Amino acid sequence: MEQGNPNPLKILIIAKYDPTFDWVHLSLQEQNYTVVGRVETVAEASKRVQRTHIDIVLADTSAVGTAD
């Protein structure tokens, strides 16, 4: 039996909502990562990172490249 990491990495996703997001979220959880949320802009991600410990920011480059 595989033993889970007692301190999974916390991931914040920058992406507009898309059904693929649900698949990515579920896949990450199955690998014992914690998805702390999804935001749509780098500015929102910056605010979240200042308030919460985040280990990894996973960005959809099409979402990051847009000016909001």
N, C-alpha and C. Protein backbone atom coordinates (compact mmCIF):
# COMPACT_ATOMS: atom_id res chain seq x y z
N MET A 1 0.85 -1.18 0.00
CA MET A 1 0.00 0.00 0.00
C MET A 1 0.89 1.24 0.00
N GLU A 2 0.55 2.20 -0.83
CA GLU A 2 1.31 3.43 -0.94
C GLU A 2 0.92 4.38 0.19
N GLN A 3 1.90 4.97 0.82
CA GLN A 3 1.64 5.88 1.92
C GLN A 3 1.61 7.31 1.41
N GLY A 4 0.56 8.06 1.78
CA GLY A 4 0.41 9.44 1.33
C GLY A 4 1.35 10.38 2.06
N ASN A 5 1.66 11.48 1.42
CA ASN A 5 2.48 12.52 2.02
C ASN A 5 1.66 13.23 3.09
N PRO A 6 2.16 13.30 4.33
CA PRO A 6 1.39 13.96 5.39
C PRO A 6 1.29 15.48 5.17
N ASN A 7 2.16 16.05 4.35
CA ASN A 7 2.15 17.49 4.07
C ASN A 7 2.13 17.71 2.55
N PRO A 8 0.96 17.51 1.93
CA PRO A 8 0.92 17.65 0.48
C PRO A 8 1.20 19.09 0.04
N LEU A 9 1.79 19.21 -1.15
CA LEU A 9 2.06 20.54 -1.70
C LEU A 9 0.74 21.24 -2.00
N LYS A 10 0.72 22.55 -1.75
CA LYS A 10 -0.49 23.35 -1.99
C LYS A 10 -0.34 24.08 -3.32
N ILE A 11 -1.35 23.91 -4.17
CA ILE A 11 -1.30 24.44 -5.53
C ILE A 11 -2.42 25.45 -5.74
N LEU A 12 -2.08 26.57 -6.35
CA LEU A 12 -3.05 27.57 -6.79
C LEU A 12 -3.03 27.56 -8.31
N ILE A 13 -4.21 27.52 -8.91
CA ILE A 13 -4.31 27.47 -10.37
C ILE A 13 -4.81 28.80 -10.90
N ILE A 14 -4.10 29.31 -11.92
CA ILE A 14 -4.55 30.51 -12.63
C ILE A 14 -5.13 30.04 -13.96
N ALA A 15 -6.44 30.16 -14.11
CA ALA A 15 -7.10 29.73 -15.34
C ALA A 15 -8.55 30.20 -15.33
N LYS A 16 -9.05 30.49 -16.49
CA LYS A 16 -10.47 30.74 -16.61
C LYS A 16 -11.16 29.39 -16.43
N TYR A 17 -12.42 29.40 -15.97
CA TYR A 17 -13.08 28.11 -15.76
C TYR A 17 -13.29 27.41 -17.09
N ASP A 18 -12.99 26.14 -17.08
CA ASP A 18 -13.15 25.28 -18.23
C ASP A 18 -13.38 23.88 -17.65
N PRO A 19 -14.16 23.03 -18.31
CA PRO A 19 -14.35 21.67 -17.78
C PRO A 19 -13.04 20.93 -17.55
N THR A 20 -12.00 21.29 -18.29
CA THR A 20 -10.70 20.66 -18.10
C THR A 20 -10.17 20.94 -16.70
N PHE A 21 -10.53 22.11 -16.14
CA PHE A 21 -10.10 22.44 -14.79
C PHE A 21 -10.54 21.37 -13.80
N ASP A 22 -11.77 20.87 -13.94
CA ASP A 22 -12.26 19.84 -13.03
C ASP A 22 -11.38 18.59 -13.11
N TRP A 23 -10.99 18.22 -14.32
CA TRP A 23 -10.14 17.05 -14.51
C TRP A 23 -8.77 17.27 -13.88
N VAL A 24 -8.19 18.45 -14.11
CA VAL A 24 -6.87 18.77 -13.54
C VAL A 24 -6.95 18.75 -12.02
N HIS A 25 -7.98 19.36 -11.47
CA HIS A 25 -8.17 19.41 -10.01
C HIS A 25 -8.24 18.00 -9.44
N LEU A 26 -9.08 17.17 -10.02
CA LEU A 26 -9.24 15.79 -9.55
C LEU A 26 -7.93 15.01 -9.69
N SER A 27 -7.26 15.18 -10.81
CA SER A 27 -5.99 14.47 -11.03
C SER A 27 -4.94 14.86 -9.99
N LEU A 28 -4.87 16.13 -9.68
CA LEU A 28 -3.91 16.59 -8.66
C LEU A 28 -4.26 16.03 -7.29
N GLN A 29 -5.54 16.02 -6.95
CA GLN A 29 -5.96 15.46 -5.67
C GLN A 29 -5.62 13.98 -5.57
N GLU A 30 -5.80 13.25 -6.67
CA GLU A 30 -5.48 11.82 -6.68
C GLU A 30 -3.99 11.59 -6.46
N GLN A 31 -3.16 12.57 -6.79
CA GLN A 31 -1.72 12.47 -6.59
C GLN A 31 -1.29 13.07 -5.25
N ASN A 32 -2.27 13.34 -4.39
CA ASN A 32 -2.05 13.85 -3.04
C ASN A 32 -1.53 15.28 -3.00
N TYR A 33 -1.95 16.10 -3.95
CA TYR A 33 -1.70 17.54 -3.89
C TYR A 33 -2.96 18.20 -3.35
N THR A 34 -2.82 19.37 -2.79
CA THR A 34 -3.97 20.13 -2.33
C THR A 34 -4.14 21.34 -3.24
N VAL A 35 -5.28 21.40 -3.93
CA VAL A 35 -5.57 22.56 -4.77
C VAL A 35 -6.31 23.55 -3.87
N VAL A 36 -5.65 24.68 -3.58
CA VAL A 36 -6.24 25.65 -2.66
C VAL A 36 -7.22 26.58 -3.35
N GLY A 37 -7.23 26.55 -4.68
CA GLY A 37 -8.20 27.38 -5.39
C GLY A 37 -7.81 27.64 -6.82
N ARG A 38 -8.69 28.39 -7.47
CA ARG A 38 -8.48 28.80 -8.86
C ARG A 38 -8.81 30.28 -8.94
N VAL A 39 -7.95 31.01 -9.59
CA VAL A 39 -8.18 32.43 -9.84
C VAL A 39 -8.03 32.66 -11.34
N GLU A 40 -8.52 33.79 -11.82
CA GLU A 40 -8.49 34.04 -13.26
C GLU A 40 -7.40 34.99 -13.71
N THR A 41 -6.73 35.67 -12.78
CA THR A 41 -5.70 36.63 -13.19
C THR A 41 -4.47 36.51 -12.30
N VAL A 42 -3.37 37.01 -12.82
CA VAL A 42 -2.13 37.04 -12.04
C VAL A 42 -2.30 37.96 -10.83
N ALA A 43 -3.04 39.04 -10.99
CA ALA A 43 -3.26 39.96 -9.87
C ALA A 43 -3.99 39.25 -8.72
N GLU A 44 -5.00 38.46 -9.06
CA GLU A 44 -5.71 37.69 -8.02
C GLU A 44 -4.77 36.68 -7.37
N ALA A 45 -3.94 36.04 -8.19
CA ALA A 45 -2.99 35.06 -7.65
C ALA A 45 -2.02 35.73 -6.69
N SER A 46 -1.54 36.91 -7.06
CA SER A 46 -0.61 37.64 -6.20
C SER A 46 -1.22 37.93 -4.84
N LYS A 47 -2.47 38.37 -4.84
CA LYS A 47 -3.16 38.64 -3.56
C LYS A 47 -3.30 37.37 -2.74
N ARG A 48 -3.66 36.26 -3.39
CA ARG A 48 -3.85 35.00 -2.68
C ARG A 48 -2.54 34.50 -2.09
N VAL A 49 -1.45 34.62 -2.85
CA VAL A 49 -0.15 34.17 -2.39
C VAL A 49 0.32 34.98 -1.18
N GLN A 50 -0.04 36.25 -1.13
CA GLN A 50 0.34 37.09 0.01
C GLN A 50 -0.40 36.68 1.28
N ARG A 51 -1.61 36.13 1.13
CA ARG A 51 -2.44 35.76 2.28
C ARG A 51 -2.27 34.31 2.72
N THR A 52 -1.89 33.43 1.79
CA THR A 52 -1.91 31.99 2.04
C THR A 52 -0.60 31.37 1.57
N HIS A 53 -0.13 30.38 2.30
CA HIS A 53 1.07 29.65 1.85
C HIS A 53 0.71 28.82 0.63
N ILE A 54 1.40 29.06 -0.47
CA ILE A 54 1.23 28.33 -1.72
C ILE A 54 2.60 27.78 -2.11
N ASP A 55 2.65 26.50 -2.45
CA ASP A 55 3.91 25.90 -2.88
C ASP A 55 4.12 26.02 -4.39
N ILE A 56 3.03 25.87 -5.15
CA ILE A 56 3.11 25.87 -6.61
C ILE A 56 1.97 26.71 -7.19
N VAL A 57 2.29 27.53 -8.19
CA VAL A 57 1.26 28.23 -8.96
C VAL A 57 1.28 27.61 -10.35
N LEU A 58 0.16 27.02 -10.72
CA LEU A 58 0.00 26.38 -12.02
C LEU A 58 -0.83 27.31 -12.88
N ALA A 59 -0.26 27.77 -14.00
CA ALA A 59 -0.93 28.79 -14.81
C ALA A 59 -1.25 28.29 -16.21
N ASP A 60 -2.47 28.56 -16.64
CA ASP A 60 -2.87 28.35 -18.03
C ASP A 60 -2.33 29.56 -18.78
N THR A 61 -1.41 29.34 -19.69
CA THR A 61 -0.76 30.47 -20.36
C THR A 61 -1.73 31.33 -21.16
N SER A 62 -2.83 30.77 -21.61
CA SER A 62 -3.80 31.59 -22.32
C SER A 62 -4.53 32.53 -21.36
N ALA A 63 -4.66 32.14 -20.10
CA ALA A 63 -5.29 33.01 -19.10
C ALA A 63 -4.31 34.07 -18.61
N VAL A 64 -3.06 33.71 -18.45
CA VAL A 64 -2.05 34.61 -17.95
C VAL A 64 -1.75 35.70 -18.96
N GLY A 65 -1.82 35.39 -20.23
CA GLY A 65 -1.46 36.33 -21.27
C GLY A 65 -2.48 37.40 -21.55
N THR A 66 -3.66 37.33 -20.93
CA THR A 66 -4.70 38.30 -21.21
C THR A 66 -4.62 39.47 -20.25
N ALA A 67 -4.94 40.64 -20.73
CA ALA A 67 -4.97 41.84 -19.88
C ALA A 67 -6.38 42.02 -19.36
N ASP A 68 -6.51 42.10 -18.06
CA ASP A 68 -7.84 42.28 -17.44
C ASP A 68 -7.99 43.66 -16.89
